[in-house]
Amino acid sequence: MKIILIDDDNLVCLSLKTILQADSRIQVAAIGTSGEEAIELYEQHLPHILLMDIQMKGMGGLAAGEEILRRHPDARILFLTTFSDNEYIIKALGMGAKGYLIKQDIEALLPALQAVMSGQNVFGNEIVTRFPALINTKPTFCPEKFNLNPREAEITELVAKGLNNKEIADILFLSEGTVRNYISALLEKMNLRDRTQLAVFYYRNQS
């Protein structure tokens, strides 16, 4: 797995490189300290994953990520930052980033990289707990665009709010088994892997 690290603190880059390369499956191809370098190094190395901070001098990580995804729509970008602002999370979701981790969750980094490589979206626990609040920040979701019927749309929104099957069943006056079947059907219909990806899908497709 070839990785590029971008963080405006060179010491952070070197520390992350040491941590990651302790795993023989990971090669850190390059490190950089700005969004401009992220774009240049991505073009040069075409890594499997770009691990990048958000706030940096000059071009920030979000702007660099948008430019890289414009050029390479299949790019896997994983943000690792100290900032959990709703605005940043929404923008990362909207652009198509594969994940958003807080630096305090560093022990989750290696599993997150493996998950991203296998096609999953990865969001740290602190970020997942923010999902319900994002509904009030950016509330418009168009289920018709994805051929979801009203019941499917209701269940998708409730999953995005963090409710479990029993809570959803109680609200919609359904059995837990029926809710479970709806969610399984939604995951298959949207080609999603799990409930977290369903929530990400909901927030990513706000307009």
N, C-alpha and C. Protein backbone atom coordinates (compact mmCIF):
# COMPACT_ATOMS: atom_id res chain seq x y z
N MET A 1 0.85 -1.18 0.00
CA MET A 1 0.00 0.00 0.00
C MET A 1 0.90 1.24 0.00
N LYS A 2 0.78 2.05 -1.03
CA LYS A 2 1.62 3.25 -1.15
C LYS A 2 0.85 4.46 -0.63
N ILE A 3 1.48 5.18 0.32
CA ILE A 3 0.84 6.30 1.02
C ILE A 3 1.65 7.57 0.80
N ILE A 4 0.95 8.70 0.68
CA ILE A 4 1.58 10.02 0.76
C ILE A 4 1.04 10.71 2.01
N LEU A 5 1.94 11.33 2.78
CA LEU A 5 1.56 12.05 4.00
C LEU A 5 1.72 13.54 3.78
N ILE A 6 0.68 14.29 4.13
CA ILE A 6 0.73 15.76 4.02
C ILE A 6 0.28 16.38 5.34
N ASP A 7 1.19 17.14 5.97
CA ASP A 7 0.88 17.86 7.20
C ASP A 7 1.85 19.01 7.30
N ASP A 8 1.37 20.19 7.70
CA ASP A 8 2.27 21.34 7.71
C ASP A 8 3.29 21.29 8.85
N ASP A 9 3.16 20.32 9.74
CA ASP A 9 4.16 20.08 10.78
C ASP A 9 5.03 18.91 10.33
N ASN A 10 6.26 19.20 9.92
CA ASN A 10 7.12 18.16 9.39
C ASN A 10 7.39 17.06 10.42
N LEU A 11 7.42 17.44 11.70
CA LEU A 11 7.63 16.45 12.75
C LEU A 11 6.49 15.45 12.81
N VAL A 12 5.27 15.95 12.59
CA VAL A 12 4.10 15.06 12.54
C VAL A 12 4.24 14.08 11.38
N CYS A 13 4.64 14.59 10.23
CA CYS A 13 4.84 13.72 9.06
C CYS A 13 5.85 12.62 9.36
N LEU A 14 6.98 13.00 9.95
CA LEU A 14 8.02 12.02 10.23
C LEU A 14 7.56 10.99 11.27
N SER A 15 6.81 11.46 12.26
CA SER A 15 6.28 10.53 13.27
C SER A 15 5.29 9.56 12.66
N LEU A 16 4.39 10.09 11.81
CA LEU A 16 3.42 9.21 11.14
C LEU A 16 4.12 8.22 10.22
N LYS A 17 5.14 8.69 9.54
CA LYS A 17 5.90 7.79 8.65
C LYS A 17 6.49 6.63 9.43
N THR A 18 7.07 6.93 10.60
CA THR A 18 7.64 5.88 11.44
C THR A 18 6.58 4.89 11.88
N ILE A 19 5.42 5.41 12.32
CA ILE A 19 4.33 4.55 12.78
C ILE A 19 3.84 3.65 11.65
N LEU A 20 3.61 4.25 10.49
CA LEU A 20 3.02 3.49 9.38
C LEU A 20 3.98 2.47 8.80
N GLN A 21 5.24 2.85 8.67
CA GLN A 21 6.19 1.93 8.04
C GLN A 21 6.63 0.80 8.97
N ALA A 22 6.15 0.82 10.21
CA ALA A 22 6.34 -0.34 11.08
C ALA A 22 5.53 -1.52 10.57
N ASP A 23 4.53 -1.21 9.75
CA ASP A 23 3.72 -2.25 9.09
C ASP A 23 4.34 -2.52 7.72
N SER A 24 4.78 -3.73 7.50
CA SER A 24 5.49 -4.07 6.26
C SER A 24 4.63 -3.93 5.02
N ARG A 25 3.32 -3.84 5.20
CA ARG A 25 2.43 -3.70 4.03
C ARG A 25 2.36 -2.26 3.53
N ILE A 26 2.94 -1.32 4.29
CA ILE A 26 2.80 0.10 3.96
C ILE A 26 4.12 0.71 3.53
N GLN A 27 4.07 1.44 2.43
CA GLN A 27 5.23 2.21 1.96
C GLN A 27 4.83 3.68 1.91
N VAL A 28 5.55 4.51 2.65
CA VAL A 28 5.32 5.96 2.58
C VAL A 28 6.18 6.49 1.44
N ALA A 29 5.53 6.82 0.33
CA ALA A 29 6.25 7.21 -0.88
C ALA A 29 6.81 8.61 -0.80
N ALA A 30 6.11 9.50 -0.07
CA ALA A 30 6.56 10.89 0.02
C ALA A 30 5.83 11.58 1.15
N ILE A 31 6.42 12.67 1.65
CA ILE A 31 5.76 13.52 2.62
C ILE A 31 5.81 14.96 2.13
N GLY A 32 4.80 15.75 2.51
CA GLY A 32 4.75 17.15 2.12
C GLY A 32 4.10 17.97 3.21
N THR A 33 4.18 19.30 3.06
CA THR A 33 3.70 20.17 4.13
C THR A 33 2.67 21.20 3.67
N SER A 34 2.11 21.04 2.47
CA SER A 34 1.12 22.01 1.99
C SER A 34 0.20 21.36 0.98
N GLY A 35 -0.92 22.05 0.71
CA GLY A 35 -1.84 21.56 -0.30
C GLY A 35 -1.21 21.53 -1.68
N GLU A 36 -0.39 22.53 -1.97
CA GLU A 36 0.29 22.57 -3.28
C GLU A 36 1.18 21.34 -3.45
N GLU A 37 1.91 21.01 -2.39
CA GLU A 37 2.77 19.82 -2.45
C GLU A 37 1.93 18.55 -2.58
N ALA A 38 0.78 18.53 -1.94
CA ALA A 38 -0.09 17.35 -2.03
C ALA A 38 -0.46 17.07 -3.48
N ILE A 39 -0.83 18.12 -4.21
CA ILE A 39 -1.21 17.95 -5.63
C ILE A 39 -0.01 17.48 -6.44
N GLU A 40 1.13 18.13 -6.23
CA GLU A 40 2.34 17.77 -6.98
C GLU A 40 2.78 16.34 -6.70
N LEU A 41 2.80 15.97 -5.42
CA LEU A 41 3.25 14.63 -5.05
C LEU A 41 2.25 13.56 -5.48
N TYR A 42 0.96 13.90 -5.46
CA TYR A 42 -0.02 12.93 -5.93
C TYR A 42 0.20 12.61 -7.40
N GLU A 43 0.40 13.66 -8.21
CA GLU A 43 0.64 13.46 -9.64
C GLU A 43 1.91 12.64 -9.87
N GLN A 44 2.90 12.86 -9.04
CA GLN A 44 4.18 12.19 -9.22
C GLN A 44 4.14 10.72 -8.82
N HIS A 45 3.43 10.41 -7.73
CA HIS A 45 3.49 9.05 -7.18
C HIS A 45 2.21 8.24 -7.37
N LEU A 46 1.09 8.89 -7.61
CA LEU A 46 -0.21 8.20 -7.74
C LEU A 46 -0.38 7.15 -6.63
N PRO A 47 -0.46 7.60 -5.39
CA PRO A 47 -0.52 6.67 -4.26
C PRO A 47 -1.86 5.95 -4.17
N HIS A 48 -1.87 4.88 -3.37
CA HIS A 48 -3.14 4.22 -3.08
C HIS A 48 -4.01 5.10 -2.18
N ILE A 49 -3.38 5.78 -1.22
CA ILE A 49 -4.11 6.65 -0.30
C ILE A 49 -3.30 7.92 -0.03
N LEU A 50 -3.99 9.04 -0.01
CA LEU A 50 -3.40 10.31 0.40
C LEU A 50 -3.92 10.63 1.81
N LEU A 51 -3.02 10.69 2.77
CA LEU A 51 -3.36 11.00 4.15
C LEU A 51 -2.98 12.45 4.40
N MET A 52 -3.96 13.30 4.70
CA MET A 52 -3.71 14.74 4.64
C MET A 52 -4.41 15.50 5.77
N ASP A 53 -3.70 16.53 6.27
CA ASP A 53 -4.28 17.46 7.24
C ASP A 53 -5.21 18.43 6.49
N ILE A 54 -5.98 19.22 7.23
CA ILE A 54 -6.92 20.16 6.61
C ILE A 54 -6.38 21.59 6.63
N GLN A 55 -6.02 22.09 7.78
CA GLN A 55 -5.54 23.47 7.86
C GLN A 55 -4.02 23.52 7.71
N MET A 56 -3.56 24.17 6.64
CA MET A 56 -2.13 24.30 6.38
C MET A 56 -1.88 25.68 5.78
N LYS A 57 -0.65 26.13 5.87
CA LYS A 57 -0.28 27.40 5.26
C LYS A 57 -0.44 27.29 3.75
N GLY A 58 -0.86 28.38 3.13
CA GLY A 58 -1.10 28.34 1.69
C GLY A 58 -2.39 27.58 1.41
N MET A 59 -2.36 26.70 0.44
CA MET A 59 -3.54 25.91 0.09
C MET A 59 -3.80 24.86 1.17
N GLY A 60 -5.01 24.83 1.69
CA GLY A 60 -5.38 23.86 2.71
C GLY A 60 -5.71 22.50 2.12
N GLY A 61 -5.95 21.55 3.01
CA GLY A 61 -6.20 20.18 2.57
C GLY A 61 -7.51 20.01 1.81
N LEU A 62 -8.55 20.75 2.19
CA LEU A 62 -9.83 20.60 1.49
C LEU A 62 -9.73 21.09 0.05
N ALA A 63 -9.08 22.22 -0.16
CA ALA A 63 -8.92 22.74 -1.52
C ALA A 63 -8.05 21.81 -2.35
N ALA A 64 -6.98 21.30 -1.74
CA ALA A 64 -6.11 20.37 -2.46
C ALA A 64 -6.86 19.08 -2.80
N GLY A 65 -7.66 18.60 -1.84
CA GLY A 65 -8.43 17.39 -2.09
C GLY A 65 -9.41 17.55 -3.24
N GLU A 66 -10.07 18.70 -3.30
CA GLU A 66 -11.02 18.96 -4.40
C GLU A 66 -10.30 18.94 -5.74
N GLU A 67 -9.12 19.55 -5.80
CA GLU A 67 -8.37 19.59 -7.06
C GLU A 67 -7.89 18.20 -7.46
N ILE A 68 -7.42 17.44 -6.49
CA ILE A 68 -6.95 16.07 -6.80
C ILE A 68 -8.11 15.21 -7.28
N LEU A 69 -9.26 15.32 -6.63
CA LEU A 69 -10.42 14.52 -7.03
C LEU A 69 -10.98 14.99 -8.38
N ARG A 70 -10.80 16.25 -8.70
CA ARG A 70 -11.19 16.73 -10.04
C ARG A 70 -10.34 16.04 -11.11
N ARG A 71 -9.07 15.90 -10.82
CA ARG A 71 -8.16 15.26 -11.79
C ARG A 71 -8.23 13.73 -11.73
N HIS A 72 -8.45 13.20 -10.52
CA HIS A 72 -8.44 11.75 -10.30
C HIS A 72 -9.67 11.38 -9.46
N PRO A 73 -10.82 11.21 -10.08
CA PRO A 73 -12.06 10.95 -9.32
C PRO A 73 -12.01 9.73 -8.42
N ASP A 74 -11.12 8.78 -8.71
CA ASP A 74 -11.03 7.57 -7.89
C ASP A 74 -10.02 7.70 -6.76
N ALA A 75 -9.44 8.88 -6.58
CA ALA A 75 -8.44 9.08 -5.52
C ALA A 75 -9.03 8.77 -4.15
N ARG A 76 -8.24 8.10 -3.33
CA ARG A 76 -8.65 7.81 -1.95
C ARG A 76 -7.97 8.83 -1.05
N ILE A 77 -8.75 9.74 -0.50
CA ILE A 77 -8.23 10.78 0.38
C ILE A 77 -8.79 10.57 1.79
N LEU A 78 -7.88 10.47 2.74
CA LEU A 78 -8.26 10.30 4.15
C LEU A 78 -7.72 11.50 4.92
N PHE A 79 -8.61 12.27 5.52
CA PHE A 79 -8.19 13.44 6.29
C PHE A 79 -7.87 13.03 7.72
N LEU A 80 -6.74 13.52 8.21
CA LEU A 80 -6.32 13.32 9.59
C LEU A 80 -6.00 14.69 10.16
N THR A 81 -6.83 15.16 11.08
CA THR A 81 -6.75 16.55 11.50
C THR A 81 -7.13 16.71 12.97
N THR A 82 -6.84 17.87 13.51
CA THR A 82 -7.27 18.18 14.88
C THR A 82 -8.63 18.89 14.87
N PHE A 83 -9.15 19.20 13.68
CA PHE A 83 -10.37 20.01 13.56
C PHE A 83 -11.58 19.15 13.25
N SER A 84 -12.62 19.29 14.09
CA SER A 84 -13.85 18.51 13.86
C SER A 84 -15.03 19.44 13.59
N ASP A 85 -14.76 20.60 12.99
CA ASP A 85 -15.82 21.56 12.67
C ASP A 85 -16.83 20.94 11.70
N ASN A 86 -18.12 21.19 11.94
CA ASN A 86 -19.15 20.66 11.05
C ASN A 86 -18.92 21.07 9.60
N GLU A 87 -18.49 22.32 9.40
CA GLU A 87 -18.28 22.81 8.04
C GLU A 87 -17.23 21.98 7.31
N TYR A 88 -16.15 21.63 8.01
CA TYR A 88 -15.09 20.82 7.40
C TYR A 88 -15.60 19.42 7.10
N ILE A 89 -16.35 18.84 8.05
CA ILE A 89 -16.86 17.48 7.86
C ILE A 89 -17.79 17.43 6.65
N ILE A 90 -18.70 18.39 6.56
CA ILE A 90 -19.65 18.43 5.44
C ILE A 90 -18.91 18.56 4.12
N LYS A 91 -17.91 19.43 4.09
CA LYS A 91 -17.17 19.63 2.84
C LYS A 91 -16.41 18.37 2.46
N ALA A 92 -15.81 17.70 3.44
CA ALA A 92 -15.09 16.46 3.17
C ALA A 92 -16.04 15.38 2.64
N LEU A 93 -17.22 15.27 3.26
CA LEU A 93 -18.21 14.31 2.78
C LEU A 93 -18.64 14.64 1.35
N GLY A 94 -18.90 15.92 1.13
CA GLY A 94 -19.42 16.35 -0.17
C GLY A 94 -18.43 16.15 -1.30
N MET A 95 -17.16 16.32 -1.03
CA MET A 95 -16.17 16.19 -2.11
C MET A 95 -15.88 14.74 -2.47
N GLY A 96 -16.21 13.82 -1.54
CA GLY A 96 -15.96 12.41 -1.82
C GLY A 96 -14.75 11.85 -1.10
N ALA A 97 -14.32 12.48 -0.01
CA ALA A 97 -13.22 11.93 0.78
C ALA A 97 -13.62 10.56 1.34
N LYS A 98 -12.65 9.70 1.48
CA LYS A 98 -12.92 8.35 1.98
C LYS A 98 -12.98 8.27 3.48
N GLY A 99 -12.52 9.33 4.17
CA GLY A 99 -12.59 9.27 5.61
C GLY A 99 -12.15 10.56 6.26
N TYR A 100 -12.42 10.63 7.57
CA TYR A 100 -12.12 11.84 8.35
C TYR A 100 -11.83 11.37 9.76
N LEU A 101 -10.57 11.47 10.17
CA LEU A 101 -10.16 11.04 11.50
C LEU A 101 -9.59 12.21 12.27
N ILE A 102 -9.75 12.17 13.58
CA ILE A 102 -9.15 13.15 14.47
C ILE A 102 -7.81 12.59 14.94
N LYS A 103 -6.80 13.46 15.04
CA LYS A 103 -5.45 13.00 15.36
C LYS A 103 -5.37 12.26 16.70
N GLN A 104 -6.29 12.57 17.60
CA GLN A 104 -6.30 11.86 18.87
C GLN A 104 -6.63 10.38 18.69
N ASP A 105 -7.24 10.02 17.53
CA ASP A 105 -7.60 8.63 17.25
C ASP A 105 -6.48 7.91 16.51
N ILE A 106 -5.24 8.23 16.81
CA ILE A 106 -4.12 7.73 16.03
C ILE A 106 -4.05 6.21 16.03
N GLU A 107 -4.54 5.57 17.13
CA GLU A 107 -4.51 4.10 17.18
C GLU A 107 -5.44 3.49 16.14
N ALA A 108 -6.39 4.29 15.64
CA ALA A 108 -7.33 3.78 14.64
C ALA A 108 -6.81 3.96 13.22
N LEU A 109 -5.61 4.55 13.08
CA LEU A 109 -5.14 4.92 11.74
C LEU A 109 -4.85 3.71 10.86
N LEU A 110 -4.11 2.74 11.36
CA LEU A 110 -3.78 1.57 10.54
C LEU A 110 -5.03 0.81 10.11
N PRO A 111 -5.95 0.50 11.03
CA PRO A 111 -7.19 -0.16 10.58
C PRO A 111 -7.97 0.70 9.59
N ALA A 112 -7.93 2.02 9.77
CA ALA A 112 -8.65 2.90 8.85
C ALA A 112 -8.07 2.82 7.45
N LEU A 113 -6.75 2.79 7.33
CA LEU A 113 -6.11 2.68 6.02
C LEU A 113 -6.50 1.37 5.33
N GLN A 114 -6.50 0.29 6.09
CA GLN A 114 -6.89 -1.00 5.51
C GLN A 114 -8.35 -0.97 5.07
N ALA A 115 -9.21 -0.33 5.87
CA ALA A 115 -10.63 -0.24 5.52
C ALA A 115 -10.82 0.56 4.24
N VAL A 116 -10.12 1.69 4.12
CA VAL A 116 -10.22 2.52 2.91
C VAL A 116 -9.75 1.73 1.70
N MET A 117 -8.68 0.96 1.85
CA MET A 117 -8.19 0.14 0.73
C MET A 117 -9.22 -0.90 0.29
N SER A 118 -10.04 -1.35 1.23
CA SER A 118 -11.04 -2.37 0.90
C SER A 118 -12.35 -1.76 0.40
N GLY A 119 -12.36 -0.42 0.26
CA GLY A 119 -13.54 0.24 -0.31
C GLY A 119 -14.49 0.85 0.69
N GLN A 120 -14.12 0.86 1.96
CA GLN A 120 -15.02 1.42 2.97
C GLN A 120 -14.73 2.91 3.19
N ASN A 121 -15.72 3.59 3.75
CA ASN A 121 -15.54 4.95 4.24
C ASN A 121 -15.26 4.87 5.74
N VAL A 122 -14.37 5.71 6.22
CA VAL A 122 -13.95 5.61 7.62
C VAL A 122 -14.08 6.97 8.29
N PHE A 123 -14.84 7.01 9.38
CA PHE A 123 -15.00 8.23 10.15
C PHE A 123 -14.82 7.90 11.62
N GLY A 124 -13.96 8.66 12.30
CA GLY A 124 -13.68 8.41 13.71
C GLY A 124 -14.93 8.52 14.56
N ASN A 125 -14.87 7.95 15.76
CA ASN A 125 -16.03 7.94 16.64
C ASN A 125 -16.56 9.35 16.91
N GLU A 126 -15.65 10.30 17.11
CA GLU A 126 -16.09 11.67 17.39
C GLU A 126 -16.85 12.25 16.20
N ILE A 127 -16.43 11.88 14.99
CA ILE A 127 -17.08 12.39 13.78
C ILE A 127 -18.46 11.75 13.61
N VAL A 128 -18.54 10.45 13.84
CA VAL A 128 -19.82 9.75 13.71
C VAL A 128 -20.86 10.34 14.67
N THR A 129 -20.43 10.70 15.88
CA THR A 129 -21.38 11.28 16.83
C THR A 129 -21.86 12.66 16.39
N ARG A 130 -21.14 13.28 15.46
CA ARG A 130 -21.55 14.59 14.95
C ARG A 130 -22.63 14.48 13.88
N PHE A 131 -22.79 13.31 13.28
CA PHE A 131 -23.70 13.17 12.15
C PHE A 131 -25.10 13.72 12.42
N PRO A 132 -25.73 13.39 13.57
CA PRO A 132 -27.08 13.93 13.79
C PRO A 132 -27.12 15.45 13.76
N ALA A 133 -26.10 16.11 14.30
CA ALA A 133 -26.09 17.58 14.31
C ALA A 133 -25.99 18.15 12.91
N LEU A 134 -25.43 17.39 11.98
CA LEU A 134 -25.25 17.89 10.62
C LEU A 134 -26.59 18.03 9.89
N ILE A 135 -27.60 17.34 10.37
CA ILE A 135 -28.92 17.45 9.75
C ILE A 135 -29.41 18.89 9.81
N ASN A 136 -29.14 19.56 10.95
CA ASN A 136 -29.59 20.95 11.11
C ASN A 136 -28.71 21.92 10.35
N THR A 137 -27.50 21.48 9.99
CA THR A 137 -26.57 22.34 9.26
C THR A 137 -26.85 22.32 7.77
N LYS A 138 -27.23 21.15 7.28
CA LYS A 138 -27.42 20.99 5.83
C LYS A 138 -28.53 19.98 5.62
N PRO A 139 -29.81 20.41 5.69
CA PRO A 139 -30.88 19.46 5.92
C PRO A 139 -31.57 18.87 4.69
N THR A 140 -31.21 19.25 3.48
CA THR A 140 -32.02 18.85 2.33
C THR A 140 -31.46 17.61 1.65
N PHE A 141 -32.27 16.55 1.65
CA PHE A 141 -31.91 15.29 0.99
C PHE A 141 -33.05 14.95 0.04
N CYS A 142 -32.71 14.61 -1.20
CA CYS A 142 -33.73 14.33 -2.21
C CYS A 142 -33.79 12.83 -2.49
N PRO A 143 -34.70 12.09 -1.83
CA PRO A 143 -34.74 10.63 -2.01
C PRO A 143 -35.12 10.21 -3.42
N GLU A 144 -35.93 11.03 -4.11
CA GLU A 144 -36.36 10.67 -5.46
C GLU A 144 -35.17 10.52 -6.42
N LYS A 145 -34.12 11.28 -6.15
CA LYS A 145 -32.92 11.21 -6.99
C LYS A 145 -32.31 9.82 -6.99
N PHE A 146 -32.54 9.07 -5.90
CA PHE A 146 -31.94 7.74 -5.76
C PHE A 146 -33.00 6.64 -5.78
N ASN A 147 -34.20 7.01 -6.26
CA ASN A 147 -35.29 6.05 -6.39
C ASN A 147 -35.66 5.41 -5.06
N LEU A 148 -35.63 6.22 -4.00
CA LEU A 148 -36.05 5.73 -2.69
C LEU A 148 -37.51 6.09 -2.45
N ASN A 149 -38.28 5.11 -1.98
CA ASN A 149 -39.67 5.41 -1.66
C ASN A 149 -39.72 6.13 -0.30
N PRO A 150 -40.87 6.69 0.10
CA PRO A 150 -40.94 7.46 1.34
C PRO A 150 -40.47 6.69 2.57
N ARG A 151 -40.82 5.40 2.67
CA ARG A 151 -40.41 4.61 3.84
C ARG A 151 -38.89 4.42 3.85
N GLU A 152 -38.31 4.13 2.70
CA GLU A 152 -36.86 3.98 2.62
C GLU A 152 -36.15 5.28 2.99
N ALA A 153 -36.72 6.40 2.55
CA ALA A 153 -36.13 7.71 2.88
C ALA A 153 -36.20 7.97 4.37
N GLU A 154 -37.34 7.63 5.01
CA GLU A 154 -37.48 7.82 6.45
C GLU A 154 -36.43 7.01 7.22
N ILE A 155 -36.28 5.76 6.82
CA ILE A 155 -35.35 4.88 7.52
C ILE A 155 -33.91 5.35 7.31
N THR A 156 -33.59 5.79 6.11
CA THR A 156 -32.25 6.31 5.84
C THR A 156 -31.93 7.49 6.74
N GLU A 157 -32.89 8.41 6.88
CA GLU A 157 -32.66 9.59 7.73
C GLU A 157 -32.51 9.20 9.19
N LEU A 158 -33.29 8.24 9.66
CA LEU A 158 -33.21 7.83 11.06
C LEU A 158 -31.91 7.10 11.35
N VAL A 159 -31.44 6.31 10.39
CA VAL A 159 -30.12 5.69 10.55
C VAL A 159 -29.04 6.76 10.63
N ALA A 160 -29.17 7.78 9.77
CA ALA A 160 -28.19 8.88 9.77
C ALA A 160 -28.21 9.64 11.09
N LYS A 161 -29.34 9.66 11.76
CA LYS A 161 -29.43 10.33 13.06
C LYS A 161 -28.84 9.49 14.19
N GLY A 162 -28.46 8.25 13.86
CA GLY A 162 -27.81 7.40 14.86
C GLY A 162 -28.75 6.49 15.62
N LEU A 163 -30.01 6.35 15.18
CA LEU A 163 -30.96 5.50 15.88
C LEU A 163 -30.70 4.03 15.58
N ASN A 164 -30.93 3.17 16.57
CA ASN A 164 -30.80 1.73 16.33
C ASN A 164 -32.12 1.16 15.80
N ASN A 165 -32.13 -0.14 15.48
CA ASN A 165 -33.31 -0.74 14.86
C ASN A 165 -34.55 -0.65 15.75
N LYS A 166 -34.37 -0.85 17.05
CA LYS A 166 -35.53 -0.79 17.96
C LYS A 166 -36.11 0.61 18.00
N GLU A 167 -35.25 1.61 18.08
CA GLU A 167 -35.72 3.00 18.13
C GLU A 167 -36.44 3.37 16.84
N ILE A 168 -35.90 2.92 15.70
CA ILE A 168 -36.55 3.20 14.42
C ILE A 168 -37.91 2.49 14.36
N ALA A 169 -37.93 1.25 14.81
CA ALA A 169 -39.18 0.48 14.81
C ALA A 169 -40.25 1.17 15.65
N ASP A 170 -39.86 1.68 16.81
CA ASP A 170 -40.82 2.35 17.69
C ASP A 170 -41.38 3.62 17.04
N ILE A 171 -40.53 4.37 16.38
CA ILE A 171 -40.96 5.62 15.76
C ILE A 171 -41.90 5.36 14.58
N LEU A 172 -41.59 4.33 13.78
CA LEU A 172 -42.34 4.07 12.55
C LEU A 172 -43.42 3.01 12.73
N PHE A 173 -43.57 2.50 13.98
CA PHE A 173 -44.58 1.47 14.26
C PHE A 173 -44.38 0.25 13.38
N LEU A 174 -43.14 -0.19 13.31
CA LEU A 174 -42.78 -1.40 12.58
C LEU A 174 -42.12 -2.38 13.54
N SER A 175 -41.98 -3.62 13.11
CA SER A 175 -41.22 -4.58 13.91
C SER A 175 -39.73 -4.37 13.65
N GLU A 176 -38.91 -4.81 14.61
CA GLU A 176 -37.46 -4.69 14.42
C GLU A 176 -37.01 -5.50 13.19
N GLY A 177 -37.65 -6.64 12.98
CA GLY A 177 -37.30 -7.47 11.83
C GLY A 177 -37.57 -6.75 10.51
N THR A 178 -38.69 -6.03 10.47
CA THR A 178 -39.02 -5.28 9.25
C THR A 178 -38.00 -4.17 9.01
N VAL A 179 -37.62 -3.48 10.07
CA VAL A 179 -36.61 -2.43 9.95
C VAL A 179 -35.29 -3.03 9.46
N ARG A 180 -34.91 -4.15 10.05
CA ARG A 180 -33.67 -4.83 9.66
C ARG A 180 -33.71 -5.19 8.17
N ASN A 181 -34.85 -5.67 7.71
CA ASN A 181 -34.99 -6.04 6.30
C ASN A 181 -34.90 -4.81 5.40
N TYR A 182 -35.52 -3.72 5.83
CA TYR A 182 -35.44 -2.47 5.05
C TYR A 182 -33.99 -2.02 4.91
N ILE A 183 -33.26 -2.05 6.03
CA ILE A 183 -31.88 -1.58 5.99
C ILE A 183 -31.02 -2.47 5.11
N SER A 184 -31.20 -3.77 5.21
CA SER A 184 -30.46 -4.70 4.34
C SER A 184 -30.75 -4.42 2.87
N ALA A 185 -32.04 -4.17 2.57
CA ALA A 185 -32.42 -3.88 1.18
C ALA A 185 -31.82 -2.55 0.72
N LEU A 186 -31.79 -1.55 1.62
CA LEU A 186 -31.21 -0.25 1.27
C LEU A 186 -29.72 -0.38 0.98
N LEU A 187 -29.01 -1.13 1.81
CA LEU A 187 -27.57 -1.31 1.60
C LEU A 187 -27.31 -1.97 0.25
N GLU A 188 -28.12 -2.97 -0.07
CA GLU A 188 -27.95 -3.65 -1.36
C GLU A 188 -28.30 -2.72 -2.52
N LYS A 189 -29.38 -1.98 -2.37
CA LYS A 189 -29.85 -1.07 -3.42
C LYS A 189 -28.83 0.03 -3.70
N MET A 190 -28.22 0.56 -2.64
CA MET A 190 -27.26 1.66 -2.78
C MET A 190 -25.83 1.16 -2.92
N ASN A 191 -25.66 -0.17 -2.91
CA ASN A 191 -24.33 -0.77 -3.00
C ASN A 191 -23.42 -0.26 -1.88
N LEU A 192 -23.97 -0.30 -0.65
CA LEU A 192 -23.25 0.16 0.53
C LEU A 192 -22.96 -1.02 1.44
N ARG A 193 -21.95 -0.84 2.30
CA ARG A 193 -21.46 -1.96 3.09
C ARG A 193 -22.14 -2.08 4.46
N ASP A 194 -22.43 -0.94 5.10
CA ASP A 194 -22.95 -1.01 6.47
C ASP A 194 -23.72 0.27 6.80
N ARG A 195 -24.19 0.36 8.05
CA ARG A 195 -25.01 1.50 8.48
C ARG A 195 -24.23 2.81 8.42
N THR A 196 -22.95 2.75 8.77
CA THR A 196 -22.14 3.98 8.72
C THR A 196 -22.07 4.50 7.29
N GLN A 197 -21.88 3.61 6.33
CA GLN A 197 -21.84 4.05 4.94
C GLN A 197 -23.19 4.61 4.50
N LEU A 198 -24.29 4.06 5.05
CA LEU A 198 -25.62 4.59 4.72
C LEU A 198 -25.76 6.02 5.26
N ALA A 199 -25.26 6.25 6.48
CA ALA A 199 -25.30 7.60 7.05
C ALA A 199 -24.43 8.55 6.23
N VAL A 200 -23.24 8.09 5.85
CA VAL A 200 -22.35 8.92 5.02
C VAL A 200 -23.03 9.25 3.69
N PHE A 201 -23.68 8.26 3.10
CA PHE A 201 -24.41 8.46 1.85
C PHE A 201 -25.46 9.56 2.00
N TYR A 202 -26.18 9.54 3.12
CA TYR A 202 -27.21 10.53 3.39
C TYR A 202 -26.62 11.93 3.44
N TYR A 203 -25.55 12.11 4.19
CA TYR A 203 -24.97 13.45 4.35
C TYR A 203 -24.22 13.90 3.10
N ARG A 204 -23.63 12.95 2.40
CA ARG A 204 -22.88 13.30 1.20
C ARG A 204 -23.79 13.80 0.08
N ASN A 205 -25.04 13.38 0.12
CA ASN A 205 -25.96 13.74 -0.97
C ASN A 205 -26.98 14.78 -0.54
N GLN A 206 -26.55 15.69 0.32
CA GLN A 206 -27.37 16.86 0.65
C GLN A 206 -27.23 17.90 -0.48
N SER A 207 -28.23 18.74 -0.61
CA SER A 207 -28.15 19.79 -1.64
C SER A 207 -28.83 21.05 -1.13
